[in-house]
Structures are given as structure tokens and as C-alpha cells.
Amino acid sequence: MGVKSTDRSQSNGFRSLAGYIFGGNKKRGSTSAEKIAMTGPVLIDPQASSIKEPTSATPETQQTTDESPMTMTFIMPSKYQCLDDLPIPNDSKIKLTQVSERTFAAITFSGTASEAKCQEQEDKLKQELKMDRDVKVIDPSAKGIAAFYNPPWTIPWYRTNEILVPVEYVKQ
């Protein structure tokens, strides 16, 4: 399950999502809040119209900038099996979504994840996938999903980042 934010900037989207998991919510059937464990990765999908997570359920925040829409998603811990298990967000910018399982190819890299670095890694991954006869990129023109595993204060060379590209297996 995911939580999605409709904030216009990445930092505001992160704050909205963090607010939700740190108690900016209401337990169903109660007036009290519930703190939710933070899980990794945080996902950023430039295609805000369709969330593509590698799990079956995630909380998401949809964010748009003046240049392009995007979605930031926090993946919920496994104890939440369906949307009705999640607390209700206090922030109207937070959307809870159920996400179907998908298959992704991934490339992992360290350091800061600038837009240029993410694009470079995505291009590298798609080139490698062109040579793999066992999988096919579902939409070669679609942007990959950026996955971030560390807090922002992590020293760059200790950071783990990934670019995820939806794929399907080719029957031979």
C-alpha cells in the first residue's frame, strides 16, 4: 500500500508523507493517531498518473511541479494488508492507494541522485535490457522510478539509490 502526496515540491511532499507516518492521521474507529514505521525505499515516479511500485500496497503523495507532475510514495509496513488497515490521513494532500504487484529491472548506484545522474543510470539500464532476450521493457518511452533508501543526511558515498523500470518476461 502507498501514501501519495499532492504537494508541488519534493521537499513538501516528503514532509506531508512524514507527517502522516509520524502521527498526522487518525486510527479507523478512533480519535487517536497511530505512528507508522518508516520503510524504504521512498519512490519518486515522474508519471503521476500511474503509480508503479514494487509492492502490493503503498502510501503515496502526488506532487507536481510547474515543469512536470510526479508522485512520491512511501511503502507501508507489511502489517497493513489492505487500505482499510491504514489510518486515515489528516492532510488532504495524502492519498492511500493499493498497488498491484509488478516486475521491475533495477540498477543500483551510490552518491547523490541528481536528475542528470538518474537519467544516466536509467539510460544505462535500458541499454542493458535491450540486450537481454528474457525480458522486455513494458514502455521504453516511460521514465523510470527513482528509489531512495537513505535519509538525506547520509554521506553521499554511503547512499543507495536505484532506478526501476517495469518489465515483463518474454516467453521463448
Protein backbone atom coordinates (compact mmCIF):
# COMPACT_ATOMS: atom_id res chain seq x y z
CA MET A 1 0.00 0.00 0.00
CA GLY A 2 1.19 3.50 -0.60
CA VAL A 3 0.69 7.03 0.60
CA LYS A 4 0.77 9.68 -2.10
CA SER A 5 1.14 13.49 -1.73
CA THR A 6 -0.25 16.23 -3.99
CA ASP A 7 2.36 18.81 -2.94
CA ARG A 8 4.14 20.72 -5.68
CA SER A 9 7.71 20.17 -4.46
CA GLN A 10 9.70 17.12 -3.45
CA SER A 11 10.54 18.50 -0.01
CA ASN A 12 6.90 19.42 0.71
CA GLY A 13 5.77 16.00 -0.47
CA PHE A 14 8.28 14.32 1.82
CA ARG A 15 7.12 16.47 4.75
CA SER A 16 3.48 15.60 4.06
CA LEU A 17 4.26 11.89 3.93
CA ALA A 18 6.48 12.04 7.01
CA GLY A 19 3.73 13.91 8.84
CA TYR A 20 1.32 11.10 8.02
CA ILE A 21 3.54 8.30 9.32
CA PHE A 22 4.66 10.24 12.40
CA GLY A 23 1.09 10.67 13.63
CA GLY A 24 -0.69 13.06 11.25
CA ASN A 25 -3.51 10.56 10.94
CA LYS A 26 -6.45 9.03 12.76
CA LYS A 27 -6.87 5.33 13.52
CA ARG A 28 -10.04 3.98 11.96
CA GLY A 29 -12.83 3.84 14.54
CA SER A 30 -10.83 6.01 16.96
CA THR A 31 -9.83 9.60 17.59
CA SER A 32 -6.21 8.74 18.38
CA ALA A 33 -3.27 8.86 15.97
CA GLU A 34 -1.07 5.94 15.00
CA LYS A 35 2.66 6.20 14.38
CA ILE A 36 3.80 4.08 11.44
CA ALA A 37 7.32 2.70 11.00
CA MET A 38 9.24 4.30 8.13
CA THR A 39 10.20 1.79 5.47
CA GLY A 40 12.45 2.08 2.46
CA PRO A 41 12.66 2.93 -0.25
CA VAL A 42 11.00 6.28 -0.89
CA LEU A 43 9.87 6.18 -4.52
CA ILE A 44 9.58 9.08 -6.95
CA ASP A 45 7.66 8.43 -10.15
CA PRO A 46 7.66 11.19 -12.78
CA GLN A 47 4.41 9.79 -14.24
CA ALA A 48 1.93 11.00 -11.61
CA SER A 49 -0.97 9.44 -13.45
CA SER A 50 0.16 5.89 -12.70
CA ILE A 51 1.94 4.66 -9.61
CA LYS A 52 4.34 1.82 -10.23
CA GLU A 53 5.67 0.32 -7.00
CA PRO A 54 7.39 -2.97 -6.45
CA THR A 55 4.95 -3.92 -3.70
CA SER A 56 1.29 -4.70 -3.49
CA ALA A 57 0.42 -1.87 -1.15
CA THR A 58 1.95 1.56 -0.56
CA PRO A 59 1.07 5.03 0.72
CA GLU A 60 1.77 7.77 -1.77
CA THR A 61 1.94 11.50 -2.13
CA GLN A 62 1.39 13.01 -5.52
CA GLN A 63 3.46 16.08 -6.15
CA THR A 64 3.54 18.27 -9.16
CA THR A 65 5.97 20.96 -10.15
CA ASP A 66 5.38 23.60 -12.75
CA GLU A 67 7.53 21.55 -15.15
CA SER A 68 6.11 18.07 -14.67
CA PRO A 69 3.89 16.00 -12.42
CA MET A 70 5.37 13.36 -10.15
CA THR A 71 4.40 11.07 -7.34
CA MET A 72 6.32 10.43 -4.15
CA THR A 73 5.46 7.20 -2.38
CA PHE A 74 6.19 5.68 1.00
CA ILE A 75 5.72 1.92 1.14
CA MET A 76 3.74 0.80 4.16
CA PRO A 77 4.92 -1.95 6.53
CA SER A 78 3.60 -5.45 5.83
CA LYS A 79 1.25 -5.41 8.83
CA TYR A 80 -1.10 -3.28 6.70
CA GLN A 81 -2.69 -5.84 4.39
CA CYS A 82 -5.37 -3.59 2.84
CA LEU A 83 -6.35 0.07 2.65
CA ASP A 84 -8.84 -0.32 5.48
CA ASP A 85 -5.97 -1.27 7.81
CA LEU A 86 -4.25 2.10 7.32
CA PRO A 87 -5.07 5.13 9.47
CA ILE A 88 -6.93 7.99 7.80
CA PRO A 89 -4.64 10.91 6.79
CA ASN A 90 -5.27 14.31 8.40
CA ASP A 91 -3.72 16.02 5.35
CA SER A 92 -5.99 16.12 2.29
CA LYS A 93 -2.89 16.02 0.06
CA ILE A 94 -2.18 12.45 1.17
CA LYS A 95 -3.81 9.67 -0.84
CA LEU A 96 -3.82 6.00 0.15
CA THR A 97 -3.52 3.60 -2.76
CA GLN A 98 -3.46 -0.13 -3.32
CA VAL A 99 -0.84 -1.07 -5.89
CA SER A 100 -0.79 -4.32 -7.82
CA GLU A 101 2.36 -6.39 -7.98
CA ARG A 102 4.71 -5.67 -10.87
CA THR A 103 8.09 -6.83 -12.10
CA PHE A 104 10.95 -4.33 -12.36
CA ALA A 105 14.50 -4.33 -13.60
CA ALA A 106 16.74 -2.23 -11.36
CA ILE A 107 20.11 -0.56 -11.48
CA THR A 108 21.74 0.41 -8.18
CA PHE A 109 24.10 3.34 -7.70
CA SER A 110 25.55 5.37 -4.86
CA GLY A 111 26.08 9.08 -4.39
CA THR A 112 23.71 11.96 -4.83
CA ALA A 113 20.81 11.33 -7.15
CA SER A 114 20.57 14.40 -9.32
CA GLU A 115 18.14 14.37 -12.21
CA ALA A 116 21.08 14.03 -14.62
CA LYS A 117 22.59 11.11 -12.68
CA CYS A 118 19.22 9.34 -12.52
CA GLN A 119 18.75 9.81 -16.27
CA GLU A 120 22.25 8.49 -16.95
CA GLN A 121 21.55 5.37 -14.85
CA GLU A 122 18.15 4.87 -16.49
CA ASP A 123 19.71 5.07 -19.97
CA LYS A 124 22.38 2.56 -18.92
CA LEU A 125 19.74 0.15 -17.56
CA LYS A 126 17.56 0.40 -20.68
CA GLN A 127 20.61 -0.26 -22.89
CA GLU A 128 21.42 -3.40 -20.90
CA LEU A 129 17.80 -4.54 -21.11
CA LYS A 130 17.81 -4.21 -24.92
CA MET A 131 20.43 -6.97 -24.98
CA ASP A 132 18.51 -9.26 -22.61
CA ARG A 133 16.28 -11.65 -24.55
CA ASP A 134 14.46 -12.82 -21.41
CA VAL A 135 12.79 -9.52 -20.51
CA LYS A 136 11.13 -6.65 -22.34
CA VAL A 137 10.67 -3.08 -21.11
CA ILE A 138 6.91 -2.52 -20.97
CA ASP A 139 7.06 1.13 -22.12
CA PRO A 140 10.51 2.18 -23.41
CA SER A 141 9.47 5.85 -23.57
CA ALA A 142 8.30 5.99 -19.93
CA LYS A 143 10.56 7.44 -17.26
CA GLY A 144 11.94 5.08 -14.65
CA ILE A 145 11.04 5.26 -10.97
CA ALA A 146 13.73 6.55 -8.61
CA ALA A 147 14.09 4.64 -5.33
CA PHE A 148 15.97 6.17 -2.38
CA TYR A 149 16.97 4.05 0.61
CA ASN A 150 18.74 6.51 2.92
CA PRO A 151 17.91 9.68 4.83
CA PRO A 152 19.10 12.93 3.21
CA TRP A 153 21.88 13.44 5.77
CA THR A 154 23.63 10.20 4.72
CA ILE A 155 27.12 10.84 3.32
CA PRO A 156 26.76 10.55 -0.50
CA TRP A 157 29.12 7.59 -0.99
CA TYR A 158 27.08 5.60 1.57
CA ARG A 159 23.75 6.25 -0.15
CA THR A 160 21.93 3.51 -2.02
CA ASN A 161 19.72 4.58 -4.91
CA GLU A 162 18.01 2.65 -7.68
CA ILE A 163 16.22 3.29 -10.92
CA LEU A 164 13.34 0.88 -11.53
CA VAL A 165 11.94 0.12 -14.97
CA PRO A 166 8.79 -2.00 -15.39
CA VAL A 167 9.50 -5.16 -17.41
CA GLU A 168 7.80 -8.36 -18.41
CA TYR A 169 9.30 -11.74 -19.08
CA VAL A 170 9.41 -12.87 -22.70
CA LYS A 171 8.12 -16.38 -23.33
CA GLN A 172 10.52 -18.31 -25.53
